[in-house]
Amino acid sequence: MEAVRACAPYRRRVNAAVLASALLGGAAVGRLAGGVAGRFAPPRSARRGAGLIESTAAVLLAAVVARFGVGWNTIPPLVAAVSLVTLSAVDWRSGRLPDAITFPASAASLAAIVVASIATHQPGAIVAAVAAAAGYGAVMWVAHELRPSALGFGDVKLSPLLGLHIGWTAATAGKGWLAVVSLSAQALVLSCLIGLAMGLVLGLVRHRGGARRPEPGPGAADGPTTRLLDTAFPFGPALAAGTMVVVLVPEGLLL
């Protein structure tokens, strides 16, 4: 018992060092993500949002390490965080989600899930992830077909990536297929609530300032962005935020 107590401060120092490393590493990854985003959608100002991408990536990576520790199960959520920060930055700036980022990010996510699931002897998590990706993508595709003006096709192509991580999270939580359905539905509801809040705030700000975000240019093949208060705004960041909430705190959402 005395030996355990003596080791406790050391473990705390190690944990603090790991979290500090995650923050620094996240900032570095955020810088790279910002560079990738800049190639597809250059920032509107030289300040690049005062390091918003770097700080967001740093906080997310630290949250992932704090939640999952250091191990195989840390890999998929790290891939999710980096991918979604990059895609959100591009969507926020340009109102589109390029296939050149979405598809490689989806492939990297699937690879990370396969590696982590096999390494931790949970092959069923792969099946759950793929099933959730298909289901989430189908729901978003139906929503797009019903109201193309309200949901761009880029969001539809993003949804399988989100479903992969939601399904993997539900499977590794050990709650079965009901958890896959439950977390998928809650992720979508959370995303809609976050998107609603974003749209209201942006709509009010632009209404007061008399300025609107320009519509996507001819190269934006993903369709129009979401509209609220006669203001177009990207829905990708809200989808990403809802998914990361589910990935980081699934126990608080599972009934």
Protein backbone atom coordinates (compact mmCIF):
# COMPACT_ATOMS: atom_id res chain seq x y z
CA MET A 1 0.00 0.00 0.00
CA GLU A 2 2.81 2.39 0.89
CA ALA A 3 4.49 1.63 -2.44
CA VAL A 4 1.27 2.45 -4.31
CA ARG A 5 0.94 5.74 -2.46
CA ALA A 6 4.56 6.58 -3.21
CA CYS A 7 3.97 5.98 -6.93
CA ALA A 8 0.83 8.15 -7.10
CA PRO A 9 2.65 11.50 -7.52
CA TYR A 10 4.79 9.95 -10.25
CA ARG A 11 1.70 8.75 -12.11
CA ARG A 12 0.16 12.19 -11.82
CA ARG A 13 3.33 13.76 -13.25
CA VAL A 14 3.32 11.26 -16.09
CA ASN A 15 -0.34 11.99 -16.84
CA ALA A 16 0.31 15.72 -16.78
CA ALA A 17 3.27 15.24 -19.11
CA VAL A 18 1.17 13.15 -21.51
CA LEU A 19 -1.58 15.77 -21.58
CA ALA A 20 0.95 18.54 -22.10
CA SER A 21 2.47 16.57 -24.97
CA ALA A 22 -1.00 16.07 -26.43
CA LEU A 23 -1.65 19.80 -26.29
CA LEU A 24 1.65 20.62 -27.99
CA GLY A 25 1.22 17.85 -30.51
CA GLY A 26 -2.34 18.98 -31.17
CA ALA A 27 -1.17 22.51 -31.85
CA ALA A 28 1.42 21.19 -34.31
CA VAL A 29 -1.16 18.97 -35.98
CA GLY A 30 -3.54 21.93 -36.08
CA ARG A 31 -0.89 23.95 -37.89
CA LEU A 32 -0.59 21.20 -40.49
CA ALA A 33 -4.38 20.93 -40.74
CA GLY A 34 -4.55 24.68 -41.24
CA GLY A 35 -2.02 24.40 -44.04
CA VAL A 36 -4.08 21.69 -45.74
CA ALA A 37 -7.25 23.72 -45.27
CA GLY A 38 -5.50 26.78 -46.69
CA ARG A 39 -4.77 24.96 -49.94
CA PHE A 40 -8.48 24.37 -50.51
CA ALA A 41 -9.89 27.51 -48.88
CA PRO A 42 -7.44 30.34 -48.10
CA PRO A 43 -8.38 32.36 -44.97
CA ARG A 44 -10.07 35.70 -45.48
CA SER A 45 -7.57 37.50 -43.25
CA ALA A 46 -3.85 37.27 -42.68
CA ARG A 47 -4.40 36.41 -39.00
CA ARG A 48 -5.99 33.04 -39.95
CA GLY A 49 -8.55 33.29 -37.15
CA ALA A 50 -5.88 33.97 -34.50
CA GLY A 51 -4.83 30.33 -34.32
CA LEU A 52 -8.36 28.96 -33.97
CA ILE A 53 -7.55 25.76 -35.88
CA GLU A 54 -4.41 25.10 -33.82
CA SER A 55 -6.13 25.73 -30.48
CA THR A 56 -9.15 23.60 -31.42
CA ALA A 57 -6.94 20.71 -32.50
CA ALA A 58 -4.85 21.00 -29.33
CA VAL A 59 -7.90 20.91 -27.05
CA LEU A 60 -9.47 18.01 -28.97
CA LEU A 61 -6.33 15.90 -28.97
CA ALA A 62 -5.81 16.53 -25.25
CA ALA A 63 -9.44 15.56 -24.62
CA VAL A 64 -8.98 12.35 -26.61
CA VAL A 65 -5.85 11.40 -24.64
CA ALA A 66 -7.55 12.26 -21.34
CA ARG A 67 -10.53 10.11 -22.29
CA PHE A 68 -8.79 7.10 -23.88
CA GLY A 69 -5.29 7.23 -22.42
CA VAL A 70 -2.41 5.97 -24.53
CA GLY A 71 -3.17 2.76 -26.40
CA TRP A 72 -4.72 1.22 -29.48
CA ASN A 73 -8.16 2.67 -28.77
CA THR A 74 -6.71 6.16 -28.87
CA ILE A 75 -5.90 5.92 -32.59
CA PRO A 76 -9.41 6.13 -34.14
CA PRO A 77 -10.56 9.19 -32.15
CA LEU A 78 -7.26 10.93 -32.89
CA VAL A 79 -7.82 10.36 -36.59
CA ALA A 80 -11.38 11.61 -36.20
CA ALA A 81 -10.26 14.77 -34.41
CA VAL A 82 -7.60 15.69 -36.97
CA SER A 83 -9.85 14.89 -39.94
CA LEU A 84 -12.86 16.78 -38.63
CA VAL A 85 -10.88 19.85 -37.61
CA THR A 86 -9.43 20.06 -41.13
CA LEU A 87 -12.77 19.50 -42.86
CA SER A 88 -14.55 21.96 -40.57
CA ALA A 89 -11.97 24.65 -41.34
CA VAL A 90 -12.43 24.20 -45.09
CA ASP A 91 -16.23 24.11 -44.83
CA TRP A 92 -16.30 27.18 -42.60
CA ARG A 93 -14.20 29.18 -45.02
CA SER A 94 -15.63 28.01 -48.33
CA GLY A 95 -18.98 26.34 -47.68
CA ARG A 96 -17.87 23.06 -49.24
CA LEU A 97 -16.32 19.74 -48.23
CA PRO A 98 -13.79 18.64 -50.87
CA ASP A 99 -13.71 14.95 -51.83
CA ALA A 100 -9.91 15.21 -51.83
CA ILE A 101 -10.07 15.50 -48.02
CA THR A 102 -13.28 13.65 -47.15
CA PHE A 103 -12.49 10.37 -48.92
CA PRO A 104 -8.88 9.98 -47.68
CA ALA A 105 -10.05 10.88 -44.17
CA SER A 106 -12.74 8.19 -44.39
CA ALA A 107 -10.18 5.63 -45.59
CA ALA A 108 -7.77 6.60 -42.78
CA SER A 109 -10.59 6.32 -40.24
CA LEU A 110 -11.54 2.84 -41.44
CA ALA A 111 -7.91 1.73 -41.36
CA ALA A 112 -7.48 3.08 -37.81
CA ILE A 113 -10.64 1.32 -36.66
CA VAL A 114 -9.57 -1.98 -38.21
CA VAL A 115 -6.12 -1.81 -36.61
CA ALA A 116 -7.45 -0.81 -33.16
CA SER A 117 -10.25 -3.40 -33.24
CA ILE A 118 -7.95 -6.26 -34.22
CA ALA A 119 -5.26 -5.22 -31.74
CA THR A 120 -7.80 -5.13 -28.89
CA HIS A 121 -9.56 -8.34 -29.99
CA GLN A 122 -12.84 -6.61 -30.84
CA PRO A 123 -13.49 -7.52 -34.50
CA GLY A 124 -17.19 -6.91 -33.99
CA ALA A 125 -16.41 -3.20 -33.67
CA ILE A 126 -15.42 -3.16 -37.35
CA VAL A 127 -18.83 -4.52 -38.36
CA ALA A 128 -20.60 -2.00 -36.12
CA ALA A 129 -18.55 0.86 -37.56
CA VAL A 130 -19.27 -0.09 -41.17
CA ALA A 131 -22.97 -0.62 -40.42
CA ALA A 132 -23.24 2.76 -38.71
CA ALA A 133 -21.43 4.43 -41.62
CA ALA A 134 -23.92 2.94 -44.07
CA GLY A 135 -26.91 3.80 -41.90
CA TYR A 136 -25.81 7.36 -41.14
CA GLY A 137 -25.00 7.93 -44.79
CA ALA A 138 -28.41 6.60 -45.87
CA VAL A 139 -30.26 8.89 -43.46
CA MET A 140 -28.31 11.93 -44.64
CA TRP A 141 -28.81 10.99 -48.29
CA VAL A 142 -32.59 10.75 -47.78
CA ALA A 143 -32.56 14.14 -46.03
CA HIS A 144 -30.62 15.62 -48.95
CA GLU A 145 -33.05 14.16 -51.49
CA LEU A 146 -36.03 15.52 -49.59
CA ARG A 147 -34.57 19.02 -49.24
CA PRO A 148 -31.47 19.56 -51.41
CA SER A 149 -31.51 23.27 -50.60
CA ALA A 150 -31.18 22.56 -46.88
CA LEU A 151 -28.40 19.96 -46.91
CA GLY A 152 -25.46 19.96 -49.30
CA PHE A 153 -24.24 16.71 -50.85
CA GLY A 154 -20.84 17.31 -49.28
CA ASP A 155 -22.47 16.72 -45.89
CA VAL A 156 -23.88 13.46 -47.23
CA LYS A 157 -20.41 12.32 -48.31
CA LEU A 158 -19.05 13.32 -44.89
CA SER A 159 -21.65 11.25 -43.00
CA PRO A 160 -20.07 7.79 -43.54
CA LEU A 161 -16.87 9.07 -41.91
CA LEU A 162 -18.92 10.23 -38.93
CA GLY A 163 -20.83 6.95 -38.80
CA LEU A 164 -17.62 4.94 -38.71
CA HIS A 165 -16.52 6.62 -35.49
CA ILE A 166 -19.98 6.60 -33.92
CA GLY A 167 -20.41 2.88 -34.59
CA TRP A 168 -16.93 2.04 -33.32
CA THR A 169 -17.53 4.08 -30.16
CA ALA A 170 -20.83 2.31 -29.48
CA ALA A 171 -19.29 -1.13 -30.06
CA THR A 172 -16.29 -0.53 -27.83
CA ALA A 173 -18.64 0.73 -25.10
CA GLY A 174 -19.99 -2.83 -25.04
CA LYS A 175 -23.67 -1.98 -25.27
CA GLY A 176 -24.60 -3.85 -28.47
CA TRP A 177 -26.50 -2.79 -31.56
CA LEU A 178 -29.00 -0.71 -29.61
CA ALA A 179 -26.12 1.56 -28.63
CA VAL A 180 -25.10 1.95 -32.29
CA VAL A 181 -28.60 3.15 -33.20
CA SER A 182 -28.94 5.29 -30.08
CA LEU A 183 -25.61 7.08 -30.44
CA SER A 184 -26.14 7.64 -34.17
CA ALA A 185 -29.52 9.26 -33.52
CA GLN A 186 -28.18 11.35 -30.65
CA ALA A 187 -25.19 12.49 -32.71
CA LEU A 188 -27.55 13.71 -35.42
CA VAL A 189 -29.79 15.50 -32.92
CA LEU A 190 -26.79 17.13 -31.25
CA SER A 191 -25.47 18.23 -34.64
CA CYS A 192 -28.81 19.77 -35.55
CA LEU A 193 -28.98 21.65 -32.24
CA ILE A 194 -25.41 22.92 -32.66
CA GLY A 195 -26.14 23.88 -36.27
CA LEU A 196 -29.31 25.69 -35.18
CA ALA A 197 -27.35 27.68 -32.58
CA MET A 198 -24.62 28.48 -35.13
CA GLY A 199 -27.16 29.57 -37.73
CA LEU A 200 -29.04 31.81 -35.31
CA VAL A 201 -25.88 33.51 -34.05
CA LEU A 202 -24.40 34.00 -37.51
CA GLY A 203 -27.73 35.15 -38.92
CA LEU A 204 -28.14 37.77 -36.20
CA VAL A 205 -24.54 38.95 -36.50
CA ARG A 206 -24.73 39.30 -40.27
CA HIS A 207 -28.15 40.90 -40.09
CA ARG A 208 -26.82 43.56 -37.73
CA GLY A 209 -23.67 44.05 -39.75
CA GLY A 210 -25.47 44.09 -43.06
CA ALA A 211 -23.03 41.50 -44.47
CA ARG A 212 -23.57 37.98 -45.69
CA ARG A 213 -21.21 35.15 -46.37
CA PRO A 214 -20.93 34.74 -50.14
CA GLU A 215 -22.48 31.68 -51.74
CA PRO A 216 -20.08 28.93 -52.80
CA GLY A 217 -18.49 29.57 -56.16
CA PRO A 218 -18.84 27.54 -59.35
CA GLY A 219 -16.30 25.02 -58.11
CA ALA A 220 -18.42 24.05 -55.12
CA ALA A 221 -20.09 20.95 -56.48
CA ASP A 222 -21.46 19.88 -53.11
CA GLY A 223 -24.56 22.06 -53.35
CA PRO A 224 -25.77 24.98 -51.26
CA THR A 225 -25.00 25.28 -47.60
CA THR A 226 -27.68 25.28 -44.92
CA ARG A 227 -29.82 28.41 -44.58
CA LEU A 228 -31.27 30.05 -41.49
CA LEU A 229 -32.58 33.61 -41.15
CA ASP A 230 -31.87 33.98 -44.88
CA THR A 231 -28.20 33.31 -44.16
CA ALA A 232 -26.18 30.49 -45.69
CA PHE A 233 -23.86 28.71 -43.27
CA PRO A 234 -21.84 25.48 -43.33
CA PHE A 235 -23.32 22.48 -41.54
CA GLY A 236 -20.10 20.40 -41.57
CA PRO A 237 -18.65 21.92 -38.38
CA ALA A 238 -21.90 21.17 -36.51
CA LEU A 239 -21.87 17.56 -37.74
CA ALA A 240 -18.24 17.25 -36.65
CA ALA A 241 -18.95 18.73 -33.22
CA GLY A 242 -21.91 16.43 -32.59
CA THR A 243 -19.85 13.41 -33.53
CA MET A 244 -16.90 14.34 -31.32
CA VAL A 245 -19.23 14.82 -28.34
CA VAL A 246 -20.52 11.28 -28.86
CA VAL A 247 -17.01 9.88 -29.25
CA LEU A 248 -15.70 11.59 -26.12
CA VAL A 249 -18.63 11.07 -23.73
CA PRO A 250 -20.69 8.08 -24.93
CA GLU A 251 -21.42 6.90 -21.40
CA GLY A 252 -23.29 10.10 -20.67
CA LEU A 253 -25.55 9.56 -23.67
CA LEU A 254 -26.22 5.83 -23.52
CA LEU A 255 -29.38 4.98 -21.61
